[in-house]
Amino acid sequence: MQSITKAAKAQHHWIPAFSSAELIVYWQGCICGWDLAHAVGNVDLSLHDWDVDFAVWCSYKYLNSGPGGIGGLFVHEKWDDRNLPKYGGWWGHELATRFDMPPTFSPTRGAQGFQQSNPSVLCVAALDGSLQVFKDAGMMASLRARSVRLTAYLEKKLTSSAHYIPPHEVASRYPAGAAGVKPAFTIITPSDPESRGSQLSLKFLPLDEGLMMNVYRGLKSFGVVADERKPDVIRLAPTALYNTSEDCDRAAHALEETFKTLL
């Protein structure tokens, strides 16, 4: 069997969603690992029910534990009785005999058996505080519902701009090497709410002319914190846990005002 790590949930520009049936068909015969860096804390995940073999993620993005935050690992229980290769550490040894220092390694069942050593207390504390906020907010079901509404609201504000170009019109209106065209933008994130998380990626046109960085600086001057991805993409993430529709209004207004300086 092949072992494949697939970063389908961690695209830099958009987050595709796959059904369990699609996963089974597409990865039939493969042991498949998933990079969930942009998914955990962002969209609903049912890794056990989806029969995911294993998955990894960080906690500094949507889980808000800060740079250098602790990582996460899921290993499906179907692998508990398999003697899988692992870079074993004493913290992954079963608790009952861990401090006896036996000559043979007896791993804890599940993801805990892959631990190397005890985690950083400060990292755990930061993550624990963040998870408590998620709990107080109703966890992912309520947050995801609000995320869908908030992202759709921002999308509507952006697509109503006179500077917005629908994706299917980009090739004809902004062909490669075209001269004399006005600055504009399109959205490369899927419009289907079920095929994305709380993020919209804006691509600025014409391409490869440095327009994106000018827009990025303009947004920043209005107090809008975005994320630039060279050469032409800016990511806006209306996060349900702490952003509001007023934030979306401010971002859209800042973008309009910035375009006035580009024309």
Foldseek 3Di string as FASTA:
>chain_A
DAEEEDAQQPDPAWHFDDDLVRVCVVQPPYQYEYENAVPVLWADDDCQVSVHQKYKYFCVPNLVLHPPADIDMWGHQVCQPPPDDAPFALQQADPVCSVVPDPDGHGDGTPSNRDHDDDDPSNVVSSVVSVVLCVVVPHRVVQQVLLLVLLLLLVVLQCVDPQEDEPVCCCVQAPPPDPDDAKHKYWPYDPPSNTGTQKIKIFIPPPPPQPQVLLCVQLVVLVQDWDDDPDGIIMDGQGSSDHDSVSSVSSSVSSVVSSVVRD
